[in-house]
Amino acid sequence: MFYKIGVQNNTIRGNNQVSFGKKESDKKSVCENHDRLLVEEMDKHPISTSLKINAEKLTNAFVKYPIKGFKGSKNANFYQFLQMGTVPYLLGSAAMMAVFNLARIGFNTPNAKSAAKLGNKMALGVAFYGIMKNLSKKFIELPVKHVRGIDVNMPYDKIVYELPEKGNENNLVQHENHKAFESVDFPRWDLFYNNEYFGDERNSYYKKVSEKFGYDPGEIDHSDQKMKSVIKETVVKTKLFTTLSSYFWAASAVGVAMQEPWEKMLFNPIQRLRNLKDHAKIKKVMPDDFFIIDFAKKLGKSFGEFIGVDFGKIVKNLKNHEKITKGLEKATKTQVAGRVLFGAALGLTVLGNFFALNDFSKDKGSKTQASTSLIDDSREKVVC
């Protein structure tokens, strides 16, 4: 059976999907299509590719998947159900950001100012939480990727063959964005074999990873079998510490957002442009007229209040060659808690890098190496 569908790099994209690579319009058998790592796209255009994938997931979660669910589609699956979990998460975050900022419109002036102070903090808290919870994971994932050659977030394009429904008989092939290591027990090892991007040999990927771990690829007969357990162990440690540390980083970000400097923060871009224009006319433009500069200064001051450190005094004392401890004020109980929280986040990140980047089994010698391989290299092999 043949379907008139677009094919690109042995894959096809359904409607409302983001396409990678070159498209060709032709009749191809659906059997020619298979799951494919997006390793080349992530290497050449990591930011744009990640944005495309996230935008596609977000659009599908808000529009496509709910419609399929309400219609009772036989092709609605568990992956789509999990993706829709993003919807209440984002809507709840938006509600927390807006609850005081929108309500203050109907308040009198004193109450509106009080609501604005709390509204600014809550809005920043939600934004900082989301940013640091996701950004902090890169503190461990990026070193693992560059030092060990393992991208724990490596995406792949999964082909899904749907059952015929009314109106989609000619659009039965759909795509889902998954991660090769999203299942620790069942990683998609098969996608790394014979991958031209890693090299011409069948085990090129595993040989490259073995070299990153200090092995000699030329002396390993079965690099894939030897390295799979090492890769899986690295992925487990990376995911464990990124998850733990991300919550401490997110909590620290919320703590920073709750500090006093944000109470008078002016977010209104129109008003800022007016101030900048007025000051430019009299040739008295101030650094604080620029939002980024003002934001950076308040961020530094807010962080200083969070952990009880006056960075301005520290810098001043450094210039005067005095003790930098003058910038360390006597910490309150709240500031001590802030230091503990920030220290825990930083400590877990350091520990995460230490454990994820170290192959402890390698130091135990050939006995451990042999036990992690499915094939014993010390014995003669006979192929029947």
Protein backbone atom coordinates (compact mmCIF):
# COMPACT_ATOMS: atom_id res chain seq x y z
CA MET A 1 0.00 0.00 0.00
CA PHE A 2 1.28 3.47 -0.86
CA TYR A 3 0.45 6.84 0.57
CA LYS A 4 1.08 10.23 -0.95
CA ILE A 5 3.22 11.75 1.72
CA GLY A 6 6.31 13.94 1.93
CA VAL A 7 9.59 12.17 2.67
CA GLN A 8 12.74 13.77 4.05
CA ASN A 9 15.85 11.91 5.13
CA ASN A 10 13.90 8.67 5.41
CA THR A 11 11.28 10.34 7.57
CA ILE A 12 7.98 12.09 6.96
CA ARG A 13 6.12 14.78 8.75
CA GLY A 14 2.41 15.01 9.28
CA ASN A 15 0.34 18.17 9.33
CA ASN A 16 1.15 20.77 11.98
CA GLN A 17 4.60 19.25 12.48
CA VAL A 18 8.05 20.80 12.40
CA SER A 19 10.20 19.40 9.62
CA PHE A 20 13.95 18.90 9.73
CA GLY A 21 16.05 18.64 6.60
CA LYS A 22 15.07 18.64 2.95
CA LYS A 23 11.59 17.64 1.83
CA GLU A 24 10.75 15.73 -1.31
CA SER A 25 7.25 15.32 -2.66
CA ASP A 26 6.88 11.79 -3.97
CA LYS A 27 5.04 8.52 -3.37
CA LYS A 28 6.98 6.39 -0.94
CA SER A 29 6.14 3.29 1.00
CA VAL A 30 5.61 3.92 4.70
CA CYS A 31 7.91 0.96 5.31
CA GLU A 32 10.84 3.10 4.17
CA ASN A 33 10.42 5.40 7.16
CA HIS A 34 12.06 4.77 10.51
CA ASP A 35 12.93 6.51 13.76
CA ARG A 36 15.89 8.86 13.45
CA LEU A 37 18.24 10.63 15.85
CA LEU A 38 18.32 14.39 15.42
CA VAL A 39 22.02 14.42 16.22
CA GLU A 40 23.07 16.43 13.17
CA GLU A 41 20.44 19.10 13.77
CA MET A 42 21.38 19.38 17.44
CA ASP A 43 25.05 19.69 16.60
CA LYS A 44 24.70 22.34 13.89
CA HIS A 45 21.69 24.26 15.23
CA PRO A 46 21.16 23.26 18.89
CA ILE A 47 19.19 26.31 19.97
CA SER A 48 16.88 26.59 16.96
CA THR A 49 16.29 22.83 16.89
CA SER A 50 15.42 22.75 20.59
CA LEU A 51 13.09 25.72 20.14
CA LYS A 52 11.35 24.01 17.21
CA ILE A 53 10.88 20.81 19.17
CA ASN A 54 9.56 22.62 22.25
CA ALA A 55 7.29 24.84 20.16
CA GLU A 56 5.87 21.78 18.41
CA LYS A 57 5.28 19.99 21.71
CA LEU A 58 3.64 23.06 23.22
CA THR A 59 1.37 23.63 20.23
CA ASN A 60 0.31 20.00 20.14
CA ALA A 61 -0.30 19.95 23.91
CA PHE A 62 -2.62 22.99 23.73
CA VAL A 63 -4.36 22.33 20.42
CA LYS A 64 -3.90 19.00 18.66
CA TYR A 65 -3.86 16.44 21.47
CA PRO A 66 -6.87 17.83 23.43
CA ILE A 67 -8.96 17.81 20.25
CA LYS A 68 -8.06 14.18 19.63
CA GLY A 69 -8.96 13.34 23.21
CA PHE A 70 -12.34 15.12 23.13
CA LYS A 71 -13.18 13.35 19.89
CA GLY A 72 -12.34 9.99 21.43
CA SER A 73 -9.76 9.27 18.76
CA LYS A 74 -8.53 5.70 18.65
CA ASN A 75 -5.05 7.10 17.95
CA ALA A 76 -4.79 9.11 21.19
CA ASN A 77 -1.97 7.55 23.20
CA PHE A 78 -0.21 7.86 26.56
CA TYR A 79 2.58 10.05 25.18
CA GLN A 80 0.00 12.65 24.13
CA PHE A 81 -1.65 12.44 27.54
CA LEU A 82 1.68 13.17 29.26
CA GLN A 83 2.41 16.09 26.93
CA MET A 84 -0.89 17.73 27.91
CA GLY A 85 0.42 17.92 31.48
CA THR A 86 2.23 21.06 30.35
CA VAL A 87 -1.08 22.90 29.94
CA PRO A 88 -2.18 23.17 33.61
CA TYR A 89 1.44 23.77 34.63
CA LEU A 90 1.73 26.85 32.40
CA LEU A 91 -1.79 28.10 33.06
CA GLY A 92 -1.24 27.81 36.81
CA SER A 93 2.02 29.73 36.52
CA ALA A 94 0.30 32.47 34.52
CA ALA A 95 -2.48 32.69 37.11
CA MET A 96 0.04 33.17 39.95
CA MET A 97 1.79 35.91 37.99
CA ALA A 98 -1.47 37.72 37.23
CA VAL A 99 -3.48 37.32 40.43
CA PHE A 100 -2.19 40.51 42.12
CA ASN A 101 -1.00 42.41 39.06
CA LEU A 102 -4.40 42.32 37.36
CA ALA A 103 -6.44 42.78 40.54
CA ARG A 104 -4.66 46.03 41.45
CA ILE A 105 -6.41 47.78 38.55
CA GLY A 106 -9.58 47.97 40.65
CA PHE A 107 -7.83 49.03 43.87
CA ASN A 108 -7.37 52.52 45.23
CA THR A 109 -3.85 53.99 45.12
CA PRO A 110 -2.48 52.73 48.49
CA ASN A 111 -3.85 49.22 47.97
CA ALA A 112 -2.69 49.20 44.36
CA LYS A 113 0.86 49.97 45.46
CA SER A 114 0.80 47.19 48.03
CA ALA A 115 -0.57 44.77 45.45
CA ALA A 116 2.08 45.86 42.96
CA LYS A 117 4.87 45.09 45.42
CA LEU A 118 3.61 41.57 46.04
CA GLY A 119 2.62 41.12 42.39
CA ASN A 120 6.13 41.96 41.20
CA LYS A 121 7.66 39.47 43.58
CA MET A 122 5.24 36.69 42.67
CA ALA A 123 5.67 37.28 38.94
CA LEU A 124 9.45 37.26 39.26
CA GLY A 125 9.30 34.23 41.53
CA VAL A 126 7.39 32.21 38.97
CA ALA A 127 9.66 33.36 36.13
CA PHE A 128 12.87 32.75 38.09
CA TYR A 129 11.64 29.34 39.23
CA GLY A 130 11.00 28.17 35.67
CA ILE A 131 14.24 29.63 34.33
CA MET A 132 16.53 28.21 37.01
CA LYS A 133 14.80 24.83 37.21
CA ASN A 134 15.56 24.24 33.53
CA LEU A 135 18.79 26.21 33.16
CA SER A 136 20.46 24.64 36.21
CA LYS A 137 20.26 21.18 34.64
CA LYS A 138 22.70 22.35 31.99
CA PHE A 139 25.33 22.88 34.71
CA ILE A 140 25.73 19.09 34.78
CA GLU A 141 24.41 17.99 31.40
CA LEU A 142 26.78 20.15 29.34
CA PRO A 143 29.99 18.95 31.05
CA VAL A 144 28.82 15.35 30.62
CA LYS A 145 28.15 15.97 26.94
CA HIS A 146 31.50 17.61 26.20
CA VAL A 147 33.71 15.50 28.47
CA ARG A 148 32.06 12.08 28.02
CA GLY A 149 30.31 12.52 24.68
CA ILE A 150 26.92 11.54 26.11
CA ASP A 151 23.96 13.82 25.42
CA VAL A 152 21.34 12.68 27.93
CA ASN A 153 18.74 14.82 26.11
CA MET A 154 19.49 13.52 22.61
CA PRO A 155 16.15 13.83 20.75
CA TYR A 156 14.92 11.47 18.09
CA ASP A 157 12.09 11.59 15.61
CA LYS A 158 9.69 8.71 16.31
CA ILE A 159 7.46 7.46 13.52
CA VAL A 160 3.91 6.62 14.60
CA TYR A 161 1.59 4.68 12.30
CA GLU A 162 -1.99 5.59 13.11
CA LEU A 163 -5.15 3.61 12.49
CA PRO A 164 -7.42 4.92 9.73
CA GLU A 165 -10.10 7.34 10.86
CA LYS A 166 -12.62 9.34 8.95
CA GLY A 167 -10.80 12.12 7.13
CA ASN A 168 -7.23 10.95 7.71
CA GLU A 169 -6.93 7.88 5.46
CA ASN A 170 -4.10 9.58 3.56
CA ASN A 171 -2.33 10.95 6.63
CA LEU A 172 -1.60 7.88 8.73
CA VAL A 173 2.05 8.59 9.49
CA GLN A 174 2.68 11.00 12.38
CA HIS A 175 5.75 12.06 14.31
CA GLU A 176 6.54 12.32 18.01
CA ASN A 177 9.59 13.91 19.61
CA HIS A 178 11.24 11.62 22.15
CA LYS A 179 14.65 11.34 23.83
CA ALA A 180 16.95 8.41 23.21
CA PHE A 181 17.65 8.05 26.94
CA GLU A 182 14.20 8.93 28.30
CA SER A 183 13.87 5.30 29.46
CA VAL A 184 16.89 4.28 31.51
CA ASP A 185 15.91 0.62 31.34
CA PHE A 186 15.28 0.62 27.61
CA PRO A 187 17.39 3.28 25.85
CA ARG A 188 17.20 3.42 22.07
CA TRP A 189 20.59 1.79 21.52
CA ASP A 190 19.57 0.77 18.00
CA LEU A 191 19.53 4.39 16.82
CA PHE A 192 23.25 4.78 17.54
CA TYR A 193 24.30 1.85 15.35
CA ASN A 194 25.33 2.53 11.75
CA ASN A 195 24.74 6.24 12.24
CA GLU A 196 26.65 8.06 9.51
CA TYR A 197 27.05 11.16 11.65
CA PHE A 198 29.26 9.34 14.16
CA GLY A 199 31.32 7.47 11.57
CA ASP A 200 31.35 4.74 8.94
CA GLU A 201 31.59 1.76 11.30
CA ARG A 202 28.63 0.11 12.98
CA ASN A 203 29.97 0.86 16.47
CA SER A 204 31.44 4.29 15.73
CA TYR A 205 29.40 6.02 18.44
CA TYR A 206 30.40 3.54 21.13
CA LYS A 207 34.05 3.73 20.11
CA LYS A 208 33.99 7.50 20.39
CA VAL A 209 32.44 7.30 23.84
CA SER A 210 34.96 4.66 24.94
CA GLU A 211 37.77 6.96 23.87
CA LYS A 212 36.23 9.76 25.96
CA PHE A 213 36.33 7.42 28.96
CA GLY A 214 40.01 6.67 28.46
CA TYR A 215 39.77 3.31 26.72
CA ASP A 216 41.69 2.43 23.59
CA PRO A 217 39.02 1.74 20.92
CA GLY A 218 41.48 -0.42 18.99
CA GLU A 219 41.81 -2.82 21.90
CA ILE A 220 38.06 -3.24 22.46
CA ASP A 221 36.49 -5.98 20.35
CA HIS A 222 32.95 -5.21 21.45
CA SER A 223 32.85 -1.52 22.29
CA ASP A 224 29.05 -1.37 22.26
CA GLN A 225 28.71 -4.13 24.85
CA LYS A 226 31.42 -2.68 27.06
CA MET A 227 30.14 0.91 26.93
CA LYS A 228 26.37 0.41 27.23
CA SER A 229 26.53 -0.20 30.98
CA VAL A 230 28.92 2.74 31.40
CA ILE A 231 26.65 5.04 29.39
CA LYS A 232 23.58 3.89 31.31
CA GLU A 233 25.35 4.50 34.63
CA THR A 234 26.38 7.99 33.52
CA VAL A 235 22.83 8.81 32.40
CA VAL A 236 21.38 7.63 35.73
CA LYS A 237 23.83 9.71 37.78
CA THR A 238 23.32 12.76 35.56
CA LYS A 239 19.54 12.60 35.79
CA LEU A 240 19.64 12.04 39.55
CA PHE A 241 21.80 15.06 40.32
CA THR A 242 20.17 17.36 37.76
CA THR A 243 16.76 16.61 39.29
CA LEU A 244 17.95 17.14 42.87
CA SER A 245 19.97 20.27 42.18
CA SER A 246 17.33 21.86 39.94
CA TYR A 247 14.82 22.11 42.80
CA PHE A 248 17.37 23.79 45.07
CA TRP A 249 18.33 26.23 42.29
CA ALA A 250 14.64 26.95 41.63
CA ALA A 251 13.97 27.50 45.35
CA SER A 252 16.98 29.83 45.56
CA ALA A 253 15.64 31.79 42.59
CA VAL A 254 12.28 32.21 44.32
CA GLY A 255 14.09 33.40 47.45
CA VAL A 256 15.92 36.04 45.43
CA ALA A 257 12.65 37.18 43.87
CA MET A 258 11.11 37.75 47.31
CA GLN A 259 13.67 40.41 48.30
CA GLU A 260 13.01 44.13 48.76
CA PRO A 261 14.73 45.56 45.62
CA TRP A 262 11.98 44.17 43.42
CA GLU A 263 9.19 46.09 45.17
CA LYS A 264 9.88 49.27 43.20
CA MET A 265 10.76 47.52 39.97
CA LEU A 266 9.23 49.30 36.99
CA PHE A 267 8.32 46.81 34.28
CA ASN A 268 6.27 49.17 32.13
CA PRO A 269 8.29 49.40 28.87
CA ILE A 270 6.25 52.35 27.58
CA GLN A 271 7.03 54.40 30.66
CA ARG A 272 10.71 53.47 30.43
CA LEU A 273 10.85 54.64 26.82
CA ARG A 274 9.22 57.90 27.80
CA ASN A 275 11.76 58.44 30.59
CA LEU A 276 14.60 57.66 28.21
CA LYS A 277 13.22 60.07 25.61
CA ASP A 278 12.74 62.87 28.16
CA HIS A 279 16.24 62.41 29.59
CA ALA A 280 17.75 62.28 26.10
CA LYS A 281 16.26 65.69 25.30
CA ILE A 282 18.05 67.28 28.23
CA LYS A 283 21.14 65.12 27.63
CA LYS A 284 20.96 63.49 31.05
CA VAL A 285 20.43 59.84 30.18
CA MET A 286 21.00 57.67 33.25
CA PRO A 287 22.13 54.02 33.23
CA ASP A 288 18.95 53.10 35.12
CA ASP A 289 16.90 54.33 32.14
CA PHE A 290 17.92 51.12 30.37
CA PHE A 291 15.90 48.18 31.65
CA ILE A 292 18.69 45.57 31.33
CA ILE A 293 21.16 47.65 33.36
CA ASP A 294 18.57 48.45 36.00
CA PHE A 295 17.46 44.82 36.11
CA ALA A 296 21.05 43.55 36.53
CA LYS A 297 21.74 46.00 39.36
CA LYS A 298 18.58 45.04 41.22
CA LEU A 299 19.27 41.34 40.65
CA GLY A 300 22.69 41.69 42.25
CA LYS A 301 21.30 43.66 45.18
CA SER A 302 18.44 41.21 45.67
CA PHE A 303 20.83 38.24 45.66
CA GLY A 304 23.04 40.06 48.17
CA GLU A 305 20.08 40.54 50.51
CA PHE A 306 19.10 36.90 50.07
CA ILE A 307 22.38 35.56 51.46
CA GLY A 308 23.36 38.62 53.54
CA VAL A 309 26.33 39.87 51.52
CA ASP A 310 27.01 43.45 50.47
CA PHE A 311 28.92 43.03 47.22
CA GLY A 312 29.39 46.78 46.92
CA LYS A 313 31.44 46.86 50.13
CA ILE A 314 33.43 43.83 49.04
CA VAL A 315 34.39 45.51 45.75
CA LYS A 316 35.19 48.78 47.54
CA ASN A 317 37.39 47.03 50.09
CA LEU A 318 39.21 45.14 47.38
CA LYS A 319 40.12 48.44 45.73
CA ASN A 320 41.29 49.82 49.05
CA HIS A 321 43.16 46.60 49.85
CA GLU A 322 41.15 46.12 53.02
CA LYS A 323 39.50 42.99 54.37
CA ILE A 324 36.72 41.74 52.14
CA THR A 325 34.89 40.45 55.23
CA LYS A 326 33.49 43.96 55.66
CA GLY A 327 31.00 43.04 52.97
CA LEU A 328 29.73 40.13 55.04
CA GLU A 329 27.09 41.53 57.29
CA LYS A 330 25.80 39.72 60.35
CA ALA A 331 23.33 37.31 58.83
CA THR A 332 19.77 36.99 60.06
CA LYS A 333 18.04 33.63 60.34
CA THR A 334 16.45 34.20 56.94
CA GLN A 335 19.80 34.99 55.36
CA VAL A 336 21.38 31.93 56.96
CA ALA A 337 18.61 29.86 55.41
CA GLY A 338 19.35 31.56 52.07
CA ARG A 339 23.03 30.66 52.34
CA VAL A 340 22.16 27.06 53.16
CA LEU A 341 19.76 26.86 50.23
CA PHE A 342 22.21 28.39 47.77
CA GLY A 343 25.07 26.30 49.16
CA ALA A 344 23.03 23.12 48.75
CA ALA A 345 22.26 23.97 45.13
CA LEU A 346 25.89 24.73 44.37
CA GLY A 347 27.12 21.70 46.29
CA LEU A 348 24.79 19.28 44.52
CA THR A 349 25.91 20.68 41.17
CA VAL A 350 29.57 20.13 42.05
CA LEU A 351 28.85 16.63 43.36
CA GLY A 352 26.78 15.88 40.27
CA ASN A 353 29.66 16.78 37.99
CA PHE A 354 32.08 14.76 40.09
CA PHE A 355 30.02 11.56 40.08
CA ALA A 356 28.72 11.86 36.52
CA LEU A 357 32.13 12.52 35.00
CA ASN A 358 33.94 9.76 36.88
CA ASP A 359 33.91 6.13 35.76
CA PHE A 360 34.54 4.37 39.05
CA SER A 361 34.26 0.90 37.52
CA LYS A 362 37.22 1.59 35.21
CA ASP A 363 39.61 1.85 38.16
CA LYS A 364 38.68 -1.62 39.39
CA GLY A 365 40.44 -3.37 36.53
CA SER A 366 39.53 -5.94 33.93
CA LYS A 367 37.40 -8.02 36.31
CA THR A 368 34.76 -5.33 36.57
CA GLN A 369 35.06 -4.49 32.90
CA ALA A 370 34.45 -8.07 31.94
CA SER A 371 31.45 -8.34 34.24
CA THR A 372 29.77 -5.36 32.57
CA SER A 373 30.14 -6.87 29.12
CA LEU A 374 27.77 -9.42 27.64
CA ILE A 375 30.72 -11.11 25.95
CA ASP A 376 33.77 -12.38 27.82
CA ASP A 377 36.77 -11.19 25.83
CA SER A 378 39.12 -13.58 27.64
CA ARG A 379 37.51 -16.68 26.09
CA GLU A 380 37.64 -17.99 22.55
CA LYS A 381 34.54 -17.33 20.49
CA VAL A 382 32.93 -19.84 18.17
CA VAL A 383 30.20 -18.69 15.81
CA CYS A 384 27.72 -21.44 14.98
